[in-house]
Amino acid sequence: MITLRPMEDTMADYTALRSWFLEPELQQWVWCDEKGEKDVPLERVIEKYGERIKHPKDVFPYFILREGSPIGFIQYYFQSDEVVGLDMWIGTPEERGQGHGSEALRQMAELIHRKHPAVQELFIDPEAENTRAVRCYQNAGFRVVGRYVDEEGALCLLLKMYFPQPETNAKEL
């Protein structure tokens, strides 16, 4: 069973997150500060994510759990009051390709919609070559709405999910 929990200010959580930054298959898609990092000091992970955990303001990190054990990471951040971006990955290699990411995204979408009813859309923007991630996001209900080239020259896809808005009872004039 897949569940989400807020990332905690513990060495266990920081160490798990660091181990995923060092995971060879993920290094081409996921980084702490710079693309292609070969080593990420634990102190840097604590510095970057500790503030997000202890003083959540705009970025909200969560762990993806399978049967209670961390297997991945997902975070959301506000681009505006109505638009929220997501980052996510399954860090444990043997857990990839089993639908856990799509389930985590669906749960995160529900959580955001419940906690922040003003949010109208979610977006995620993987590199186009990261076909496994694109498929995961589409399986969760995201749709490709655009493309752009990032600062490193990589082609990225912009995928969005829209929340249904309550109908208004507008009076006819």
N, C-alpha and C. Protein backbone atom coordinates (compact mmCIF):
# COMPACT_ATOMS: atom_id res chain seq x y z
N MET A 1 0.83 -1.17 0.00
CA MET A 1 0.00 0.00 0.00
C MET A 1 0.89 1.25 0.00
N ILE A 2 0.57 2.21 -0.85
CA ILE A 2 1.32 3.45 -0.97
C ILE A 2 0.65 4.53 -0.12
N THR A 3 1.46 5.21 0.68
CA THR A 3 0.98 6.35 1.47
C THR A 3 2.02 7.47 1.37
N LEU A 4 1.60 8.64 1.81
CA LEU A 4 2.50 9.80 1.85
C LEU A 4 2.61 10.27 3.29
N ARG A 5 3.78 10.81 3.63
CA ARG A 5 3.92 11.46 4.93
C ARG A 5 4.87 12.64 4.75
N PRO A 6 4.64 13.71 5.51
CA PRO A 6 5.58 14.83 5.42
C PRO A 6 6.99 14.37 5.78
N MET A 7 7.97 14.87 5.06
CA MET A 7 9.36 14.58 5.40
C MET A 7 9.61 15.12 6.80
N GLU A 8 10.40 14.38 7.58
CA GLU A 8 10.64 14.74 8.98
C GLU A 8 12.07 15.22 9.17
N ASP A 9 12.28 16.01 10.20
CA ASP A 9 13.59 16.55 10.54
C ASP A 9 14.37 15.50 11.32
N THR A 10 14.71 14.39 10.62
CA THR A 10 15.45 13.29 11.24
C THR A 10 16.61 12.90 10.35
N MET A 11 17.65 12.37 10.96
CA MET A 11 18.79 11.89 10.18
C MET A 11 18.37 10.78 9.23
N ALA A 12 17.42 9.96 9.65
CA ALA A 12 16.96 8.87 8.78
C ALA A 12 16.37 9.43 7.48
N ASP A 13 15.55 10.48 7.58
CA ASP A 13 14.95 11.05 6.37
C ASP A 13 16.00 11.74 5.51
N TYR A 14 16.89 12.52 6.13
CA TYR A 14 17.93 13.20 5.35
C TYR A 14 18.85 12.18 4.67
N THR A 15 19.18 11.11 5.37
CA THR A 15 20.06 10.09 4.81
C THR A 15 19.39 9.37 3.65
N ALA A 16 18.11 9.05 3.79
CA ALA A 16 17.38 8.41 2.69
C ALA A 16 17.34 9.32 1.48
N LEU A 17 17.03 10.60 1.69
CA LEU A 17 16.98 11.54 0.57
C LEU A 17 18.34 11.65 -0.10
N ARG A 18 19.40 11.75 0.68
CA ARG A 18 20.75 11.83 0.10
C ARG A 18 21.06 10.58 -0.71
N SER A 19 20.68 9.42 -0.21
CA SER A 19 20.98 8.18 -0.94
C SER A 19 20.31 8.19 -2.31
N TRP A 20 19.13 8.79 -2.42
CA TRP A 20 18.45 8.85 -3.71
C TRP A 20 19.15 9.83 -4.65
N PHE A 21 19.71 10.92 -4.10
CA PHE A 21 20.47 11.84 -4.94
C PHE A 21 21.71 11.16 -5.52
N LEU A 22 22.21 10.13 -4.83
CA LEU A 22 23.41 9.41 -5.28
C LEU A 22 23.08 8.18 -6.12
N GLU A 23 21.82 7.86 -6.29
CA GLU A 23 21.38 6.68 -7.05
C GLU A 23 21.70 6.90 -8.54
N PRO A 24 22.54 6.03 -9.15
CA PRO A 24 23.01 6.27 -10.52
C PRO A 24 21.91 6.52 -11.56
N GLU A 25 20.86 5.74 -11.55
CA GLU A 25 19.81 5.93 -12.56
C GLU A 25 19.09 7.26 -12.39
N LEU A 26 18.98 7.72 -11.16
CA LEU A 26 18.27 8.98 -10.91
C LEU A 26 19.13 10.21 -11.17
N GLN A 27 20.46 10.07 -11.11
CA GLN A 27 21.32 11.24 -11.20
C GLN A 27 21.14 12.04 -12.48
N GLN A 28 20.72 11.40 -13.55
CA GLN A 28 20.52 12.16 -14.79
C GLN A 28 19.25 13.00 -14.75
N TRP A 29 18.33 12.69 -13.82
CA TRP A 29 17.05 13.40 -13.78
C TRP A 29 16.84 14.20 -12.50
N VAL A 30 17.51 13.84 -11.42
CA VAL A 30 17.23 14.38 -10.09
C VAL A 30 18.53 14.90 -9.49
N TRP A 31 18.48 16.09 -8.90
CA TRP A 31 19.66 16.61 -8.24
C TRP A 31 19.26 17.52 -7.09
N CYS A 32 20.22 17.70 -6.18
CA CYS A 32 19.98 18.55 -5.02
C CYS A 32 20.14 20.02 -5.41
N ASP A 33 21.25 20.35 -6.05
CA ASP A 33 21.52 21.74 -6.43
C ASP A 33 21.83 21.89 -7.92
N GLU A 34 22.64 21.00 -8.46
CA GLU A 34 23.07 21.13 -9.84
C GLU A 34 22.96 19.80 -10.56
N LYS A 35 22.54 19.87 -11.80
CA LYS A 35 22.43 18.66 -12.61
C LYS A 35 23.80 18.01 -12.73
N GLY A 36 23.82 16.70 -12.63
CA GLY A 36 25.06 15.96 -12.79
C GLY A 36 25.93 15.89 -11.55
N GLU A 37 25.41 16.29 -10.40
CA GLU A 37 26.19 16.19 -9.17
C GLU A 37 26.57 14.73 -8.92
N LYS A 38 27.83 14.50 -8.61
CA LYS A 38 28.26 13.13 -8.33
C LYS A 38 28.27 12.84 -6.84
N ASP A 39 28.36 13.89 -6.04
CA ASP A 39 28.33 13.71 -4.59
C ASP A 39 27.51 14.85 -4.00
N VAL A 40 26.68 14.51 -3.06
CA VAL A 40 25.87 15.50 -2.35
C VAL A 40 26.13 15.30 -0.87
N PRO A 41 26.83 16.24 -0.24
CA PRO A 41 27.10 16.09 1.19
C PRO A 41 25.80 16.08 2.00
N LEU A 42 25.77 15.25 3.02
CA LEU A 42 24.60 15.18 3.89
C LEU A 42 24.27 16.55 4.48
N GLU A 43 25.30 17.32 4.80
CA GLU A 43 25.08 18.66 5.35
C GLU A 43 24.29 19.54 4.39
N ARG A 44 24.54 19.40 3.09
CA ARG A 44 23.83 20.21 2.10
C ARG A 44 22.35 19.80 2.04
N VAL A 45 22.07 18.51 2.13
CA VAL A 45 20.69 18.03 2.13
C VAL A 45 19.96 18.58 3.35
N ILE A 46 20.61 18.53 4.51
CA ILE A 46 20.01 19.04 5.74
C ILE A 46 19.76 20.54 5.62
N GLU A 47 20.73 21.27 5.10
CA GLU A 47 20.59 22.72 4.95
C GLU A 47 19.42 23.07 4.03
N LYS A 48 19.34 22.39 2.91
CA LYS A 48 18.30 22.73 1.93
C LYS A 48 16.91 22.29 2.38
N TYR A 49 16.78 21.07 2.85
CA TYR A 49 15.46 20.52 3.17
C TYR A 49 15.04 20.78 4.61
N GLY A 50 15.98 21.03 5.51
CA GLY A 50 15.63 21.30 6.90
C GLY A 50 14.72 22.50 7.05
N GLU A 51 15.02 23.56 6.34
CA GLU A 51 14.17 24.76 6.41
C GLU A 51 12.77 24.48 5.87
N ARG A 52 12.69 23.70 4.82
CA ARG A 52 11.39 23.36 4.23
C ARG A 52 10.55 22.54 5.21
N ILE A 53 11.22 21.71 6.00
CA ILE A 53 10.52 20.85 6.95
C ILE A 53 10.12 21.63 8.20
N LYS A 54 11.07 22.37 8.75
CA LYS A 54 10.83 23.06 10.02
C LYS A 54 9.95 24.30 9.86
N HIS A 55 10.03 24.95 8.72
CA HIS A 55 9.29 26.20 8.49
C HIS A 55 8.61 26.15 7.13
N PRO A 56 7.64 25.26 6.95
CA PRO A 56 7.01 25.15 5.63
C PRO A 56 6.30 26.45 5.27
N LYS A 57 6.62 26.93 4.08
CA LYS A 57 6.03 28.18 3.62
C LYS A 57 5.54 28.03 2.18
N ASP A 58 6.46 27.76 1.27
CA ASP A 58 6.11 27.66 -0.14
C ASP A 58 6.39 26.28 -0.73
N VAL A 59 7.27 25.50 -0.06
CA VAL A 59 7.67 24.18 -0.56
C VAL A 59 7.39 23.17 0.54
N PHE A 60 6.72 22.06 0.16
CA PHE A 60 6.26 21.08 1.13
C PHE A 60 6.74 19.68 0.72
N PRO A 61 7.85 19.19 1.34
CA PRO A 61 8.40 17.88 0.98
C PRO A 61 7.72 16.72 1.72
N TYR A 62 7.50 15.65 0.97
CA TYR A 62 6.88 14.43 1.51
C TYR A 62 7.69 13.21 1.07
N PHE A 63 7.57 12.14 1.84
CA PHE A 63 8.11 10.85 1.44
C PHE A 63 6.97 9.99 0.93
N ILE A 64 7.30 9.19 -0.06
CA ILE A 64 6.38 8.17 -0.57
C ILE A 64 6.74 6.88 0.17
N LEU A 65 5.76 6.28 0.82
CA LEU A 65 5.99 5.06 1.60
C LEU A 65 5.27 3.89 0.95
N ARG A 66 5.92 2.74 0.98
CA ARG A 66 5.27 1.48 0.61
C ARG A 66 5.33 0.59 1.83
N GLU A 67 4.14 0.22 2.31
CA GLU A 67 4.05 -0.59 3.54
C GLU A 67 4.83 0.08 4.67
N GLY A 68 4.81 1.41 4.73
CA GLY A 68 5.44 2.15 5.81
C GLY A 68 6.90 2.49 5.62
N SER A 69 7.55 1.96 4.59
CA SER A 69 8.98 2.24 4.36
C SER A 69 9.16 3.24 3.22
N PRO A 70 10.08 4.20 3.38
CA PRO A 70 10.30 5.20 2.33
C PRO A 70 10.85 4.57 1.05
N ILE A 71 10.20 4.89 -0.07
CA ILE A 71 10.68 4.43 -1.38
C ILE A 71 10.86 5.58 -2.35
N GLY A 72 10.40 6.78 -1.97
CA GLY A 72 10.51 7.90 -2.89
C GLY A 72 10.18 9.22 -2.24
N PHE A 73 10.22 10.23 -3.06
CA PHE A 73 10.09 11.61 -2.62
C PHE A 73 9.11 12.34 -3.52
N ILE A 74 8.31 13.22 -2.93
CA ILE A 74 7.41 14.08 -3.69
C ILE A 74 7.28 15.38 -2.92
N GLN A 75 7.33 16.49 -3.64
CA GLN A 75 7.12 17.78 -2.98
C GLN A 75 6.26 18.65 -3.86
N TYR A 76 5.56 19.56 -3.21
CA TYR A 76 4.80 20.54 -3.98
C TYR A 76 5.21 21.93 -3.56
N TYR A 77 5.06 22.85 -4.51
CA TYR A 77 5.44 24.24 -4.27
C TYR A 77 4.49 25.15 -5.03
N PHE A 78 4.25 26.30 -4.47
CA PHE A 78 3.31 27.25 -5.06
C PHE A 78 4.00 28.13 -6.08
N GLN A 79 3.44 28.16 -7.29
CA GLN A 79 3.86 29.13 -8.29
C GLN A 79 2.98 30.38 -8.16
N SER A 80 1.74 30.18 -7.78
CA SER A 80 0.80 31.26 -7.46
C SER A 80 -0.25 30.65 -6.53
N ASP A 81 -1.25 31.42 -6.14
CA ASP A 81 -2.29 30.88 -5.27
C ASP A 81 -3.09 29.77 -5.94
N GLU A 82 -3.14 29.79 -7.27
CA GLU A 82 -3.96 28.82 -8.01
C GLU A 82 -3.15 27.73 -8.70
N VAL A 83 -1.82 27.89 -8.76
CA VAL A 83 -0.99 26.96 -9.54
C VAL A 83 0.11 26.39 -8.65
N VAL A 84 0.20 25.06 -8.63
CA VAL A 84 1.17 24.35 -7.80
C VAL A 84 2.02 23.43 -8.68
N GLY A 85 3.33 23.47 -8.46
CA GLY A 85 4.26 22.58 -9.15
C GLY A 85 4.62 21.40 -8.28
N LEU A 86 5.04 20.32 -8.93
CA LEU A 86 5.41 19.09 -8.24
C LEU A 86 6.77 18.60 -8.72
N ASP A 87 7.50 17.97 -7.82
CA ASP A 87 8.71 17.20 -8.13
C ASP A 87 8.52 15.86 -7.46
N MET A 88 8.95 14.80 -8.11
CA MET A 88 8.84 13.48 -7.47
C MET A 88 9.76 12.48 -8.12
N TRP A 89 10.08 11.45 -7.38
CA TRP A 89 10.80 10.30 -7.91
C TRP A 89 10.64 9.12 -6.98
N ILE A 90 10.78 7.96 -7.57
CA ILE A 90 10.88 6.72 -6.78
C ILE A 90 12.37 6.45 -6.65
N GLY A 91 12.87 6.50 -5.43
CA GLY A 91 14.30 6.40 -5.20
C GLY A 91 14.83 4.98 -5.14
N THR A 92 14.01 4.05 -4.71
CA THR A 92 14.43 2.66 -4.56
C THR A 92 14.28 1.95 -5.90
N PRO A 93 15.39 1.52 -6.53
CA PRO A 93 15.31 0.98 -7.89
C PRO A 93 14.30 -0.14 -8.08
N GLU A 94 14.22 -1.08 -7.14
CA GLU A 94 13.31 -2.22 -7.32
C GLU A 94 11.84 -1.84 -7.20
N GLU A 95 11.56 -0.63 -6.74
CA GLU A 95 10.17 -0.17 -6.61
C GLU A 95 9.69 0.60 -7.85
N ARG A 96 10.58 0.85 -8.79
CA ARG A 96 10.20 1.61 -9.99
C ARG A 96 9.44 0.72 -10.97
N GLY A 97 8.58 1.35 -11.76
CA GLY A 97 7.85 0.64 -12.80
C GLY A 97 6.69 -0.20 -12.30
N GLN A 98 6.23 0.04 -11.07
CA GLN A 98 5.15 -0.75 -10.49
C GLN A 98 3.89 0.06 -10.23
N GLY A 99 3.86 1.31 -10.71
CA GLY A 99 2.69 2.15 -10.51
C GLY A 99 2.69 2.95 -9.22
N HIS A 100 3.76 2.83 -8.42
CA HIS A 100 3.80 3.55 -7.14
C HIS A 100 3.84 5.06 -7.34
N GLY A 101 4.56 5.52 -8.35
CA GLY A 101 4.64 6.95 -8.61
C GLY A 101 3.31 7.54 -9.00
N SER A 102 2.59 6.85 -9.88
CA SER A 102 1.26 7.33 -10.30
C SER A 102 0.31 7.38 -9.11
N GLU A 103 0.35 6.37 -8.27
CA GLU A 103 -0.51 6.37 -7.08
C GLU A 103 -0.13 7.50 -6.14
N ALA A 104 1.17 7.73 -5.94
CA ALA A 104 1.61 8.83 -5.07
C ALA A 104 1.15 10.18 -5.62
N LEU A 105 1.22 10.35 -6.93
CA LEU A 105 0.76 11.61 -7.54
C LEU A 105 -0.74 11.80 -7.35
N ARG A 106 -1.51 10.74 -7.50
CA ARG A 106 -2.96 10.86 -7.29
C ARG A 106 -3.25 11.25 -5.84
N GLN A 107 -2.55 10.61 -4.91
CA GLN A 107 -2.75 10.95 -3.49
C GLN A 107 -2.33 12.39 -3.20
N MET A 108 -1.22 12.82 -3.79
CA MET A 108 -0.76 14.19 -3.56
C MET A 108 -1.75 15.19 -4.15
N ALA A 109 -2.30 14.89 -5.32
CA ALA A 109 -3.30 15.78 -5.92
C ALA A 109 -4.51 15.91 -5.00
N GLU A 110 -4.96 14.81 -4.43
CA GLU A 110 -6.09 14.84 -3.49
C GLU A 110 -5.75 15.66 -2.25
N LEU A 111 -4.55 15.47 -1.72
CA LEU A 111 -4.11 16.19 -0.54
C LEU A 111 -4.08 17.70 -0.81
N ILE A 112 -3.50 18.09 -1.93
CA ILE A 112 -3.42 19.51 -2.28
C ILE A 112 -4.81 20.10 -2.45
N HIS A 113 -5.67 19.38 -3.15
CA HIS A 113 -7.03 19.87 -3.40
C HIS A 113 -7.79 20.06 -2.08
N ARG A 114 -7.57 19.15 -1.14
CA ARG A 114 -8.24 19.22 0.17
C ARG A 114 -7.67 20.36 1.03
N LYS A 115 -6.33 20.49 1.07
CA LYS A 115 -5.69 21.49 1.92
C LYS A 115 -5.72 22.90 1.33
N HIS A 116 -5.76 22.99 0.02
CA HIS A 116 -5.66 24.29 -0.66
C HIS A 116 -6.74 24.37 -1.74
N PRO A 117 -7.99 24.57 -1.36
CA PRO A 117 -9.09 24.54 -2.33
C PRO A 117 -9.02 25.61 -3.42
N ALA A 118 -8.21 26.65 -3.23
CA ALA A 118 -8.08 27.68 -4.26
C ALA A 118 -7.21 27.22 -5.43
N VAL A 119 -6.44 26.15 -5.24
CA VAL A 119 -5.57 25.65 -6.31
C VAL A 119 -6.44 25.09 -7.43
N GLN A 120 -6.14 25.53 -8.65
CA GLN A 120 -6.90 25.10 -9.82
C GLN A 120 -6.13 24.14 -10.71
N GLU A 121 -4.79 24.21 -10.67
CA GLU A 121 -4.02 23.31 -11.53
C GLU A 121 -2.70 22.93 -10.89
N LEU A 122 -2.24 21.74 -11.27
CA LEU A 122 -0.94 21.22 -10.88
C LEU A 122 -0.11 21.08 -12.15
N PHE A 123 1.20 21.25 -12.01
CA PHE A 123 2.07 21.01 -13.15
C PHE A 123 3.32 20.26 -12.71
N ILE A 124 3.91 19.58 -13.67
CA ILE A 124 5.17 18.87 -13.48
C ILE A 124 5.88 18.95 -14.81
N ASP A 125 7.21 19.06 -14.81
CA ASP A 125 7.92 19.34 -16.06
C ASP A 125 9.19 18.49 -16.23
N PRO A 126 9.03 17.22 -16.53
CA PRO A 126 10.19 16.34 -16.72
C PRO A 126 10.88 16.61 -18.05
N GLU A 127 12.13 16.17 -18.14
CA GLU A 127 12.80 16.18 -19.43
C GLU A 127 12.07 15.19 -20.34
N ALA A 128 11.94 15.54 -21.60
CA ALA A 128 11.20 14.71 -22.56
C ALA A 128 11.81 13.32 -22.68
N GLU A 129 13.13 13.21 -22.52
CA GLU A 129 13.80 11.91 -22.62
C GLU A 129 13.50 10.99 -21.44
N ASN A 130 12.96 11.52 -20.38
CA ASN A 130 12.64 10.72 -19.19
C ASN A 130 11.26 10.08 -19.40
N THR A 131 11.23 9.15 -20.34
CA THR A 131 9.95 8.57 -20.77
C THR A 131 9.24 7.81 -19.65
N ARG A 132 9.99 7.20 -18.76
CA ARG A 132 9.36 6.48 -17.64
C ARG A 132 8.57 7.46 -16.78
N ALA A 133 9.17 8.62 -16.48
CA ALA A 133 8.48 9.62 -15.66
C ALA A 133 7.26 10.18 -16.40
N VAL A 134 7.42 10.48 -17.68
CA VAL A 134 6.30 11.03 -18.45
C VAL A 134 5.12 10.06 -18.43
N ARG A 135 5.40 8.79 -18.63
CA ARG A 135 4.34 7.76 -18.60
C ARG A 135 3.68 7.70 -17.22
N CYS A 136 4.48 7.78 -16.17
CA CYS A 136 3.96 7.79 -14.79
C CYS A 136 3.00 8.95 -14.59
N TYR A 137 3.41 10.13 -15.02
CA TYR A 137 2.59 11.33 -14.82
C TYR A 137 1.30 11.25 -15.63
N GLN A 138 1.40 10.73 -16.83
CA GLN A 138 0.19 10.58 -17.65
C GLN A 138 -0.75 9.55 -17.03
N ASN A 139 -0.21 8.48 -16.48
CA ASN A 139 -1.05 7.47 -15.82
C ASN A 139 -1.77 8.04 -14.59
N ALA A 140 -1.20 9.09 -14.00
CA ALA A 140 -1.82 9.72 -12.83
C ALA A 140 -2.86 10.76 -13.24
N GLY A 141 -2.96 11.07 -14.53
CA GLY A 141 -3.96 12.03 -15.00
C GLY A 141 -3.41 13.33 -15.54
N PHE A 142 -2.10 13.49 -15.58
CA PHE A 142 -1.51 14.69 -16.16
C PHE A 142 -1.51 14.58 -17.68
N ARG A 143 -1.61 15.73 -18.35
CA ARG A 143 -1.61 15.78 -19.82
C ARG A 143 -0.55 16.78 -20.28
N VAL A 144 0.13 16.43 -21.38
CA VAL A 144 1.13 17.33 -21.96
C VAL A 144 0.42 18.54 -22.55
N VAL A 145 0.85 19.73 -22.12
CA VAL A 145 0.24 20.97 -22.63
C VAL A 145 1.27 21.88 -23.29
N GLY A 146 2.55 21.53 -23.19
CA GLY A 146 3.57 22.37 -23.81
C GLY A 146 4.95 21.76 -23.69
N ARG A 147 5.90 22.46 -24.32
CA ARG A 147 7.31 22.05 -24.31
C ARG A 147 8.15 23.30 -24.15
N TYR A 148 9.35 23.13 -23.57
CA TYR A 148 10.29 24.24 -23.49
C TYR A 148 11.69 23.67 -23.34
N VAL A 149 12.70 24.51 -23.58
CA VAL A 149 14.09 24.12 -23.41
C VAL A 149 14.58 24.77 -22.12
N ASP A 150 15.12 23.95 -21.21
CA ASP A 150 15.57 24.49 -19.92
C ASP A 150 16.94 25.16 -20.06
N GLU A 151 17.45 25.70 -18.94
CA GLU A 151 18.71 26.45 -18.97
C GLU A 151 19.92 25.61 -19.35
N GLU A 152 19.83 24.28 -19.23
CA GLU A 152 20.92 23.41 -19.66
C GLU A 152 20.76 22.94 -21.10
N GLY A 153 19.68 23.37 -21.75
CA GLY A 153 19.45 23.00 -23.14
C GLY A 153 18.63 21.73 -23.33
N ALA A 154 18.08 21.19 -22.26
CA ALA A 154 17.27 19.96 -22.36
C ALA A 154 15.83 20.31 -22.70
N LEU A 155 15.24 19.50 -23.58
CA LEU A 155 13.83 19.66 -23.92
C LEU A 155 12.99 19.10 -22.77
N CYS A 156 12.10 19.91 -22.24
CA CYS A 156 11.22 19.51 -21.15
C CYS A 156 9.77 19.55 -21.61
N LEU A 157 8.97 18.68 -21.04
CA LEU A 157 7.54 18.68 -21.30
C LEU A 157 6.83 19.32 -20.12
N LEU A 158 5.82 20.10 -20.41
CA LEU A 158 4.98 20.68 -19.36
C LEU A 158 3.70 19.87 -19.33
N LEU A 159 3.47 19.19 -18.21
CA LEU A 159 2.26 18.40 -18.03
C LEU A 159 1.42 19.05 -16.94
N LYS A 160 0.10 19.07 -17.14
CA LYS A 160 -0.79 19.69 -16.16
C LYS A 160 -1.96 18.78 -15.84
N MET A 161 -2.47 19.00 -14.64
CA MET A 161 -3.71 18.38 -14.18
C MET A 161 -4.56 19.53 -13.65
N TYR A 162 -5.82 19.55 -14.04
CA TYR A 162 -6.73 20.62 -13.62
C TYR A 162 -7.76 20.06 -12.64
N PHE A 163 -8.05 20.83 -11.61
CA PHE A 163 -9.10 20.46 -10.68
C PHE A 163 -10.42 21.01 -11.19
N PRO A 164 -11.49 20.23 -11.10
CA PRO A 164 -12.79 20.78 -11.49
C PRO A 164 -13.17 21.91 -10.53
N GLN A 165 -13.66 22.98 -11.10
CA GLN A 165 -14.06 24.13 -10.29
C GLN A 165 -15.55 24.04 -10.01
N PRO A 166 -15.96 24.43 -8.82
CA PRO A 166 -17.40 24.38 -8.52
C PRO A 166 -18.16 25.32 -9.45
N GLU A 167 -19.31 24.86 -9.86
CA GLU A 167 -20.13 25.68 -10.74
C GLU A 167 -20.69 26.85 -9.95
N THR A 168 -20.75 27.99 -10.62
CA THR A 168 -21.34 29.16 -9.97
C THR A 168 -22.76 29.34 -10.48
N ASN A 169 -23.59 29.84 -9.66
CA ASN A 169 -24.98 30.10 -10.04
C ASN A 169 -25.10 31.56 -10.46
N ALA A 170 -24.57 31.85 -11.63
CA ALA A 170 -24.63 33.23 -12.13
C ALA A 170 -26.04 33.55 -12.58
N LYS A 171 -26.48 34.69 -12.17
CA LYS A 171 -27.82 35.12 -12.57
C LYS A 171 -27.75 35.74 -13.97
N GLU A 172 -28.73 35.44 -14.75
CA GLU A 172 -28.79 36.04 -16.08
C GLU A 172 -29.19 37.49 -15.94
N LEU A 173 -28.56 38.31 -16.75
CA LEU A 173 -28.90 39.75 -16.73
C LEU A 173 -29.98 40.05 -17.72
